[in-house]
C-alpha atoms as a PDB file:
ATOM      1  CA  MET A   1       0.178  -0.140   0.114  1.00  0.00           C
ATOM      2  CA  GLU A   2       1.342   3.408  -0.952  1.00  0.00           C
ATOM      3  CA  PHE A   3       1.426   6.363   0.652  1.00  0.00           C
ATOM      4  CA  LYS A   4       2.677   9.899   0.694  1.00  0.00           C
ATOM      5  CA  GLU A   5       3.314  12.998   3.200  1.00  0.00           C
ATOM      6  CA  ILE A   6       1.540  15.930   2.904  1.00  0.00           C
ATOM      7  CA  ILE A   7       0.817  19.196   4.857  1.00  0.00           C
ATOM      8  CA  LYS A   8      -2.882  20.487   4.912  1.00  0.00           C
ATOM      9  CA  SER A   9      -3.529  24.028   5.411  1.00  0.00           C
ATOM     10  CA  SER A  10      -5.951  25.143   7.981  1.00  0.00           C
ATOM     11  CA  PHE A  11      -9.281  24.547   7.313  1.00  0.00           C
ATOM     12  CA  VAL A  12     -12.979  25.037   8.703  1.00  0.00           C
ATOM     13  CA  LEU A  13     -15.595  22.118   8.567  1.00  0.00           C
ATOM     14  CA  VAL A  14     -19.205  22.038   8.504  1.00  0.00           C
ATOM     15  CA  GLY A  15     -21.099  19.313   8.884  1.00  0.00           C
ATOM     16  CA  PHE A  16     -22.956  16.600  11.060  1.00  0.00           C
ATOM     17  CA  SER A  17     -21.720  14.866  14.057  1.00  0.00           C
ATOM     18  CA  ALA A  18     -22.104  12.146  16.484  1.00  0.00           C
ATOM     19  CA  ALA A  19     -19.843  10.316  18.550  1.00  0.00           C
ATOM     20  CA  GLY A  20     -18.963   6.922  17.718  1.00  0.00           C
ATOM     21  CA  LYS A  21     -18.157   3.348  18.839  1.00  0.00           C
ATOM     22  CA  TRP A  22     -15.819   0.657  16.776  1.00  0.00           C
ATOM     23  CA  SER A  23     -17.438  -2.807  17.310  1.00  0.00           C
ATOM     24  CA  GLY A  24     -16.228  -5.207  15.182  1.00  0.00           C
ATOM     25  CA  ASP A  25     -17.261  -4.815  11.416  1.00  0.00           C
ATOM     26  CA  ILE A  26     -19.631  -1.865  12.370  1.00  0.00           C
ATOM     27  CA  VAL A  27     -18.360   1.355  12.555  1.00  0.00           C
ATOM     28  CA  HIS A  28     -21.526   3.648  14.341  1.00  0.00           C
ATOM     29  CA  PRO A  29     -22.751   5.909  13.478  1.00  0.00           C
ATOM     30  CA  ILE A  30     -20.583   6.771  10.466  1.00  0.00           C
ATOM     31  CA  PRO A  31     -22.510   5.838   7.970  1.00  0.00           C
ATOM     32  CA  GLU A  32     -25.589   7.437   8.843  1.00  0.00           C
ATOM     33  CA  LEU A  33     -24.029  10.839   9.257  1.00  0.00           C
ATOM     34  CA  TRP A  34     -22.676  10.297   5.558  1.00  0.00           C
ATOM     35  CA  GLU A  35     -26.390   9.492   4.614  1.00  0.00           C
ATOM     36  CA  LYS A  36     -27.881  12.418   6.463  1.00  0.00           C
ATOM     37  CA  SER A  37     -24.978  14.888   5.085  1.00  0.00           C
ATOM     38  CA  TYR A  38     -25.666  14.410   1.453  1.00  0.00           C
ATOM     39  CA  LYS A  39     -28.430  16.398   0.986  1.00  0.00           C
ATOM     40  CA  PHE A  40     -26.616  19.363   2.237  1.00  0.00           C
ATOM     41  CA  ILE A  41     -23.509  18.177   0.272  1.00  0.00           C
ATOM     42  CA  SER A  42     -25.283  18.254  -3.126  1.00  0.00           C
ATOM     43  CA  GLU A  43     -26.848  21.413  -2.168  1.00  0.00           C
ATOM     44  CA  ASN A  44     -23.559  23.157  -1.662  1.00  0.00           C
ATOM     45  CA  ASN A  45     -22.576  21.865  -5.159  1.00  0.00           C
ATOM     46  CA  VAL A  46     -18.757  20.759  -3.578  1.00  0.00           C
ATOM     47  CA  ASP A  47     -16.612  18.184  -5.143  1.00  0.00           C
ATOM     48  CA  LYS A  48     -15.110  16.486  -1.900  1.00  0.00           C
ATOM     49  CA  ILE A  49     -16.938  15.290   1.152  1.00  0.00           C
ATOM     50  CA  VAL A  50     -15.051  15.429   4.549  1.00  0.00           C
ATOM     51  CA  GLY A  51     -15.244  12.857   7.059  1.00  0.00           C
ATOM     52  CA  VAL A  52     -13.310  14.013  10.289  1.00  0.00           C
ATOM     53  CA  CYS A  53     -12.363  11.627  13.372  1.00  0.00           C
ATOM     54  CA  LEU A  54     -10.904  12.691  16.673  1.00  0.00           C
ATOM     55  CA  PRO A  55      -9.001  10.912  18.314  1.00  0.00           C
ATOM     56  CA  PRO A  56      -7.758   9.095  15.288  1.00  0.00           C
ATOM     57  CA  ARG A  57      -6.793   5.197  16.022  1.00  0.00           C
ATOM     58  CA  SER A  58      -9.450   4.707  18.687  1.00  0.00           C
ATOM     59  CA  ASP A  59     -12.437   2.743  19.469  1.00  0.00           C
ATOM     60  CA  HIS A  60     -14.146   5.588  20.665  1.00  0.00           C
ATOM     61  CA  TYR A  61     -14.203   9.110  18.654  1.00  0.00           C
ATOM     62  CA  PHE A  62     -16.301  11.217  17.447  1.00  0.00           C
ATOM     63  CA  TYR A  63     -17.048  12.055  14.166  1.00  0.00           C
ATOM     64  CA  THR A  64     -18.104  14.781  11.550  1.00  0.00           C
ATOM     65  CA  CYS A  65     -19.255  14.355   8.026  1.00  0.00           C
ATOM     66  CA  GLY A  66     -19.365  17.697   6.027  1.00  0.00           C
ATOM     67  CA  ILE A  67     -17.649  19.738   3.727  1.00  0.00           C
ATOM     68  CA  GLU A  68     -14.724  22.088   4.088  1.00  0.00           C
ATOM     69  CA  ILE A  69     -16.061  25.819   3.628  1.00  0.00           C
ATOM     70  CA  GLU A  70     -14.237  29.638   3.831  1.00  0.00           C
ATOM     71  CA  SER A  71     -14.336  31.003   7.436  1.00  0.00           C
ATOM     72  CA  VAL A  72     -16.705  33.625   5.913  1.00  0.00           C
ATOM     73  CA  ASP A  73     -19.210  30.879   5.041  1.00  0.00           C
ATOM     74  CA  PHE A  74     -21.041  30.818   8.048  1.00  0.00           C
ATOM     75  CA  HIS A  75     -24.490  31.365   6.670  1.00  0.00           C
ATOM     76  CA  LYS A  76     -24.246  27.360   5.294  1.00  0.00           C
ATOM     77  CA  VAL A  77     -23.938  26.202   9.359  1.00  0.00           C
ATOM     78  CA  GLU A  78     -27.730  24.863   9.671  1.00  0.00           C
ATOM     79  CA  GLN A  79     -29.681  24.074  12.850  1.00  0.00           C
ATOM     80  CA  GLY A  80     -28.055  20.230  14.409  1.00  0.00           C
ATOM     81  CA  MET A  81     -24.534  20.587  12.475  1.00  0.00           C
ATOM     82  CA  THR A  82     -21.491  21.607  14.463  1.00  0.00           C
ATOM     83  CA  LEU A  83     -18.521  23.869  13.035  1.00  0.00           C
ATOM     84  CA  HIS A  84     -14.806  22.846  13.445  1.00  0.00           C
ATOM     85  CA  THR A  85     -11.434  24.632  12.484  1.00  0.00           C
ATOM     86  CA  PHE A  86      -8.234  22.973  12.282  1.00  0.00           C
ATOM     87  CA  PRO A  87      -4.456  24.495  12.305  1.00  0.00           C
ATOM     88  CA  THR A  88      -2.302  23.521   9.417  1.00  0.00           C
ATOM     89  CA  GLN A  89      -0.517  19.901   9.800  1.00  0.00           C
ATOM     90  CA  LYS A  90       1.236  17.482   8.261  1.00  0.00           C
ATOM     91  CA  TYR A  91      -0.522  13.857   7.287  1.00  0.00           C
ATOM     92  CA  VAL A  92       0.629  10.577   5.781  1.00  0.00           C
ATOM     93  CA  VAL A  93      -2.110   9.830   3.161  1.00  0.00           C
ATOM     94  CA  PHE A  94      -3.239   6.706   2.284  1.00  0.00           C
ATOM     95  CA  LYS A  95      -5.699   5.692  -0.632  1.00  0.00           C
ATOM     96  CA  HIS A  96      -8.409   3.382   0.025  1.00  0.00           C
ATOM     97  CA  ILE A  97     -10.232   1.698  -3.683  1.00  0.00           C
ATOM     98  CA  GLY A  98     -13.112  -0.957  -3.201  1.00  0.00           C
ATOM     99  CA  HIS A  99     -16.218  -1.293  -1.273  1.00  0.00           C
ATOM    100  CA  VAL A 100     -16.691   0.451   1.916  1.00  0.00           C
ATOM    101  CA  LYS A 101     -17.206  -3.019   3.724  1.00  0.00           C
ATOM    102  CA  GLU A 102     -13.350  -3.414   2.669  1.00  0.00           C
ATOM    103  CA  ILE A 103     -12.643   0.169   4.621  1.00  0.00           C
ATOM    104  CA  PRO A 104     -11.950  -1.890   7.866  1.00  0.00           C
ATOM    105  CA  ASN A 105      -9.041  -4.037   6.354  1.00  0.00           C
ATOM    106  CA  THR A 106      -7.332  -0.931   4.670  1.00  0.00           C
ATOM    107  CA  TYR A 107      -7.533   0.523   8.185  1.00  0.00           C
ATOM    108  CA  GLY A 108      -5.628  -2.584   9.275  1.00  0.00           C
ATOM    109  CA  GLU A 109      -2.776  -2.559   6.553  1.00  0.00           C
ATOM    110  CA  LEU A 110      -2.546   1.146   6.661  1.00  0.00           C
ATOM    111  CA  TRP A 111      -1.411   0.942  10.594  1.00  0.00           C
ATOM    112  CA  LYS A 112       0.583  -1.769   9.745  1.00  0.00           C
ATOM    113  CA  ILE A 113       2.699   0.385   7.504  1.00  0.00           C
ATOM    114  CA  PHE A 114       2.528   3.063   9.805  1.00  0.00           C
ATOM    115  CA  ASP A 115       3.994   1.498  12.801  1.00  0.00           C
ATOM    116  CA  LYS A 116       6.674  -0.015  10.408  1.00  0.00           C
ATOM    117  CA  GLU A 117       7.612   2.962   9.099  1.00  0.00           C
ATOM    118  CA  GLY A 118       8.083   4.632  12.606  1.00  0.00           C
ATOM    119  CA  TYR A 119       5.117   7.350  12.584  1.00  0.00           C
ATOM    120  CA  ARG A 120       3.631   8.721  15.379  1.00  0.00           C
ATOM    121  CA  ILE A 121       0.031  10.381  15.695  1.00  0.00           C
ATOM    122  CA  LYS A 122      -0.115  13.916  16.505  1.00  0.00           C
ATOM    123  CA  GLU A 123      -2.234  14.420  19.543  1.00  0.00           C
ATOM    124  CA  GLY A 124      -5.448  16.069  18.888  1.00  0.00           C
ATOM    125  CA  MET A 125      -5.106  16.580  15.490  1.00  0.00           C
ATOM    126  CA  PRO A 126      -8.089  14.831  13.684  1.00  0.00           C
ATOM    127  CA  GLU A 127      -7.964  11.910  11.133  1.00  0.00           C
ATOM    128  CA  ILE A 128      -9.532  12.718   7.967  1.00  0.00           C
ATOM    129  CA  GLU A 129     -11.734  10.731   5.345  1.00  0.00           C
ATOM    130  CA  ILE A 130     -11.740  12.531   1.764  1.00  0.00           C
ATOM    131  CA  VAL A 131     -14.073  11.423  -0.976  1.00  0.00           C
ATOM    132  CA  ASP A 132     -15.138  13.189  -4.348  1.00  0.00           C
ATOM    133  CA  THR A 133     -18.781  13.628  -4.615  1.00  0.00           C
ATOM    134  CA  ASN A 134     -18.817  11.491  -7.726  1.00  0.00           C
ATOM    135  CA  MET A 135     -18.115   8.842  -5.639  1.00  0.00           C
ATOM    136  CA  TYR A 136     -21.412   8.713  -4.287  1.00  0.00           C
ATOM    137  CA  GLU A 137     -23.741   5.462  -4.644  1.00  0.00           C
ATOM    138  CA  LYS A 138     -20.301   3.738  -5.668  1.00  0.00           C
ATOM    139  CA  GLU A 139     -20.046   3.183  -1.997  1.00  0.00           C
ATOM    140  CA  GLU A 140     -20.942  -1.019  -2.798  1.00  0.00           C
ATOM    141  CA  THR A 141     -18.368  -1.175  -5.967  1.00  0.00           C
ATOM    142  CA  ASP A 142     -15.126  -1.991  -6.671  1.00  0.00           C
ATOM    143  CA  GLU A 143     -14.959   1.587  -8.239  1.00  0.00           C
ATOM    144  CA  TYR A 144     -15.284   3.346  -4.587  1.00  0.00           C
ATOM    145  CA  GLU A 145     -12.325   5.426  -3.520  1.00  0.00           C
ATOM    146  CA  MET A 146     -11.356   7.504  -0.359  1.00  0.00           C
ATOM    147  CA  GLU A 147      -8.204   9.225   1.160  1.00  0.00           C
ATOM    148  CA  ILE A 148      -7.730   8.582   4.825  1.00  0.00           C
ATOM    149  CA  TRP A 149      -4.763  11.072   5.809  1.00  0.00           C
ATOM    150  CA  ILE A 150      -3.583  10.607   9.316  1.00  0.00           C
ATOM    151  CA  PRO A 151      -2.151  12.982  11.657  1.00  0.00           C
ATOM    152  CA  VAL A 152       1.713  13.164  12.250  1.00  0.00           C
ATOM    153  CA  GLU A 153       4.308  14.367  14.530  1.00  0.00           C
END
């Protein structure tokens, strides 16, 4: 599995959020948040869906699914949404290709590489999942692609 290092500029994320829990093959409530966010994402005519998980590599987490906005676009925040700002950060970026049910396997492989390469997670920074909006409704195909960004020290 290939990866690359990228410095991501500071960004603002607006979306729907919930506390979550990993239990075997099920990641609650991530699929529901992506589904709930789709209408909002479609209405804002963006090309990327962004999921953020805090803290990374944890069985208990806080997850947000939404879009990046300019800090002046606060009018896009609807009732029931959350808004988060994140500073510039270095990430190691991996790519998942295939059915969404295979995402846990991709994470298993990337953590092996992450550890082997000697990376350490940057505390307090988000793990990010980025999906092009043209991947919507391809989640259950071998064509589905998603980037996984892990914050590093």
